[in-house]
């Protein structure tokens, strides 16, 4: 069993920044790819970013490329999402997810992830 706990969400003005954290426990964190997704009210869960087991490979949705940065600290069993230049359309519940593979071509798909956190709310005001 894997537990994922997100933190760092909140209310921020447009143009501001937040850093989300996701603490993992229950298995060998460093062996698996991790991802962030988000879900806005009335919309499907959408891919935000993914990172491979070592942190050397990252992948972003076009909507966040250049503004968001995913990173991980395997010694702390934690993955991060640094969000800069936030926009009102970034408002959503953000979920951390753990894959069952170290990397792959479909890590933008929710079905590639075996474990999910409970989510943290990010609200960007205009």
Foldseek 3Di string as FASTA:
>chain_A
DKAKAKDWADEEAAQAKIKMKIAMDDDQLLFWKKFKWWDDPPGDIFGAKIAFSNRPDIDGDPVQPPFWDWGDDSVRRMIMIIGGRDDQVVWTWMKMFIFPHRDDDVVRDPVRTDDIYPTDTHGYHD
